[in-house]
Amino acid sequence: VAIPGMMTGQILGGQAPGDAARYQLMILFVICATCVATMVSGLGLATLALFDEQDRLALSPSAYEAMAIAKNAAAPVAARLSARLC
């Protein structure tokens, strides 16, 4: 049986075990609610930043340049790998 730290402290301090369990559950729910709120707000901000008003992926021109550079850099590697396999 595992007893979380705050609950153990309260029980050792003389608090009733039922009250200590209620406090522990309250803290657990607050942590979960904070995680959900952070996830939802992060997803909302990312959606605002990454999509335009017509729900298309909005990449900056520098992102397109970076993708082209990566594609051009990967082409010789792919050619060498296919030459080795054949």
C-alpha atoms as a PDB file:
ATOM      1  CA  VAL A   1       0.000   0.000   0.000  1.00  0.00           C
ATOM      2  CA  ALA A   2       1.413   3.361  -1.014  1.00  0.00           C
ATOM      3  CA  ILE A   3       0.498   6.474   0.954  1.00  0.00           C
ATOM      4  CA  PRO A   4       1.449   9.767  -0.749  1.00  0.00           C
ATOM      5  CA  GLY A   5       3.720  12.192   1.104  1.00  0.00           C
ATOM      6  CA  MET A   6       1.220  14.913   1.995  1.00  0.00           C
ATOM      7  CA  MET A   7      -1.245  12.326   3.260  1.00  0.00           C
ATOM      8  CA  THR A   8       1.428  10.670   5.407  1.00  0.00           C
ATOM      9  CA  GLY A   9       2.403  14.010   6.905  1.00  0.00           C
ATOM     10  CA  GLN A  10      -1.159  14.834   7.796  1.00  0.00           C
ATOM     11  CA  ILE A  11      -1.793  11.418   9.345  1.00  0.00           C
ATOM     12  CA  LEU A  12       1.413  11.627  11.390  1.00  0.00           C
ATOM     13  CA  GLY A  13       0.407  15.159  12.418  1.00  0.00           C
ATOM     14  CA  GLY A  14      -2.847  13.889  13.918  1.00  0.00           C
ATOM     15  CA  GLN A  15      -5.298  14.552  11.080  1.00  0.00           C
ATOM     16  CA  ALA A  16      -8.046  12.005  10.456  1.00  0.00           C
ATOM     17  CA  PRO A  17      -7.143   9.623   7.591  1.00  0.00           C
ATOM     18  CA  GLY A  18     -10.352  10.466   5.711  1.00  0.00           C
ATOM     19  CA  ASP A  19      -9.568  14.181   5.761  1.00  0.00           C
ATOM     20  CA  ALA A  20      -5.986  13.496   4.678  1.00  0.00           C
ATOM     21  CA  ALA A  21      -7.263  11.415   1.740  1.00  0.00           C
ATOM     22  CA  ARG A  22      -9.675  14.188   0.718  1.00  0.00           C
ATOM     23  CA  TYR A  23      -6.834  16.732   0.692  1.00  0.00           C
ATOM     24  CA  GLN A  24      -4.678  14.353  -1.347  1.00  0.00           C
ATOM     25  CA  LEU A  25      -7.465  13.849  -3.912  1.00  0.00           C
ATOM     26  CA  MET A  26      -8.059  17.592  -4.091  1.00  0.00           C
ATOM     27  CA  ILE A  27      -4.369  18.184  -4.879  1.00  0.00           C
ATOM     28  CA  LEU A  28      -4.456  15.395  -7.488  1.00  0.00           C
ATOM     29  CA  PHE A  29      -7.480  16.937  -9.221  1.00  0.00           C
ATOM     30  CA  VAL A  30      -5.911  20.417  -9.158  1.00  0.00           C
ATOM     31  CA  ILE A  31      -2.743  19.072 -10.773  1.00  0.00           C
ATOM     32  CA  CYS A  32      -4.787  17.252 -13.443  1.00  0.00           C
ATOM     33  CA  ALA A  33      -6.903  20.351 -14.129  1.00  0.00           C
ATOM     34  CA  THR A  34      -3.761  22.455 -14.496  1.00  0.00           C
ATOM     35  CA  CYS A  35      -2.310  19.953 -16.966  1.00  0.00           C
ATOM     36  CA  VAL A  36      -5.505  19.960 -19.026  1.00  0.00           C
ATOM     37  CA  ALA A  37      -5.711  23.772 -19.011  1.00  0.00           C
ATOM     38  CA  THR A  38      -2.084  24.042 -20.099  1.00  0.00           C
ATOM     39  CA  MET A  39      -2.577  21.499 -22.873  1.00  0.00           C
ATOM     40  CA  VAL A  40      -5.741  23.160 -24.181  1.00  0.00           C
ATOM     41  CA  SER A  41      -4.250  26.659 -24.128  1.00  0.00           C
ATOM     42  CA  GLY A  42      -1.039  25.457 -25.795  1.00  0.00           C
ATOM     43  CA  LEU A  43      -3.012  23.679 -28.503  1.00  0.00           C
ATOM     44  CA  GLY A  44      -5.149  26.772 -29.041  1.00  0.00           C
ATOM     45  CA  LEU A  45      -2.130  29.050 -29.330  1.00  0.00           C
ATOM     46  CA  ALA A  46      -0.388  26.627 -31.685  1.00  0.00           C
ATOM     47  CA  THR A  47      -3.508  26.448 -33.846  1.00  0.00           C
ATOM     48  CA  LEU A  48      -3.661  30.239 -34.034  1.00  0.00           C
ATOM     49  CA  ALA A  49       0.014  30.451 -34.940  1.00  0.00           C
ATOM     50  CA  LEU A  50       0.118  27.609 -37.496  1.00  0.00           C
ATOM     51  CA  PHE A  51      -3.153  27.960 -39.418  1.00  0.00           C
ATOM     52  CA  ASP A  52      -4.584  30.895 -41.367  1.00  0.00           C
ATOM     53  CA  GLU A  53      -8.201  32.046 -41.432  1.00  0.00           C
ATOM     54  CA  GLN A  54      -9.077  29.439 -44.109  1.00  0.00           C
ATOM     55  CA  ASP A  55      -7.689  26.565 -41.981  1.00  0.00           C
ATOM     56  CA  ARG A  56      -4.626  26.082 -44.171  1.00  0.00           C
ATOM     57  CA  LEU A  57      -1.186  25.403 -42.766  1.00  0.00           C
ATOM     58  CA  ALA A  58       0.565  28.773 -42.739  1.00  0.00           C
ATOM     59  CA  LEU A  59       4.311  28.374 -43.064  1.00  0.00           C
ATOM     60  CA  SER A  60       6.630  31.335 -43.240  1.00  0.00           C
ATOM     61  CA  PRO A  61       8.842  31.791 -46.329  1.00  0.00           C
ATOM     62  CA  SER A  62      11.894  30.832 -44.271  1.00  0.00           C
ATOM     63  CA  ALA A  63      10.241  27.497 -43.432  1.00  0.00           C
ATOM     64  CA  TYR A  64       9.796  26.773 -47.135  1.00  0.00           C
ATOM     65  CA  GLU A  65      13.460  27.640 -47.711  1.00  0.00           C
ATOM     66  CA  ALA A  66      14.547  25.316 -44.903  1.00  0.00           C
ATOM     67  CA  MET A  67      12.442  22.489 -46.363  1.00  0.00           C
ATOM     68  CA  ALA A  68      14.006  23.020 -49.811  1.00  0.00           C
ATOM     69  CA  ILE A  69      17.521  23.009 -48.338  1.00  0.00           C
ATOM     70  CA  ALA A  70      16.791  19.796 -46.437  1.00  0.00           C
ATOM     71  CA  LYS A  71      15.335  18.172 -49.556  1.00  0.00           C
ATOM     72  CA  ASN A  72      18.385  19.157 -51.644  1.00  0.00           C
ATOM     73  CA  ALA A  73      20.755  17.905 -48.945  1.00  0.00           C
ATOM     74  CA  ALA A  74      18.945  14.573 -48.684  1.00  0.00           C
ATOM     75  CA  ALA A  75      18.988  13.859 -52.440  1.00  0.00           C
ATOM     76  CA  PRO A  76      22.717  12.908 -52.679  1.00  0.00           C
ATOM     77  CA  VAL A  77      22.418  10.704 -49.594  1.00  0.00           C
ATOM     78  CA  ALA A  78      19.448   8.878 -51.100  1.00  0.00           C
ATOM     79  CA  ALA A  79      21.307   8.413 -54.375  1.00  0.00           C
ATOM     80  CA  ARG A  80      24.330   6.928 -52.605  1.00  0.00           C
ATOM     81  CA  LEU A  81      22.140   4.578 -50.586  1.00  0.00           C
ATOM     82  CA  SER A  82      20.273   3.367 -53.651  1.00  0.00           C
ATOM     83  CA  ALA A  83      23.593   2.849 -55.489  1.00  0.00           C
ATOM     84  CA  ARG A  84      24.845   0.682 -52.623  1.00  0.00           C
ATOM     85  CA  LEU A  85      21.684  -1.399 -52.561  1.00  0.00           C
ATOM     86  CA  CYS A  86      21.671  -2.110 -56.302  1.00  0.00           C
END
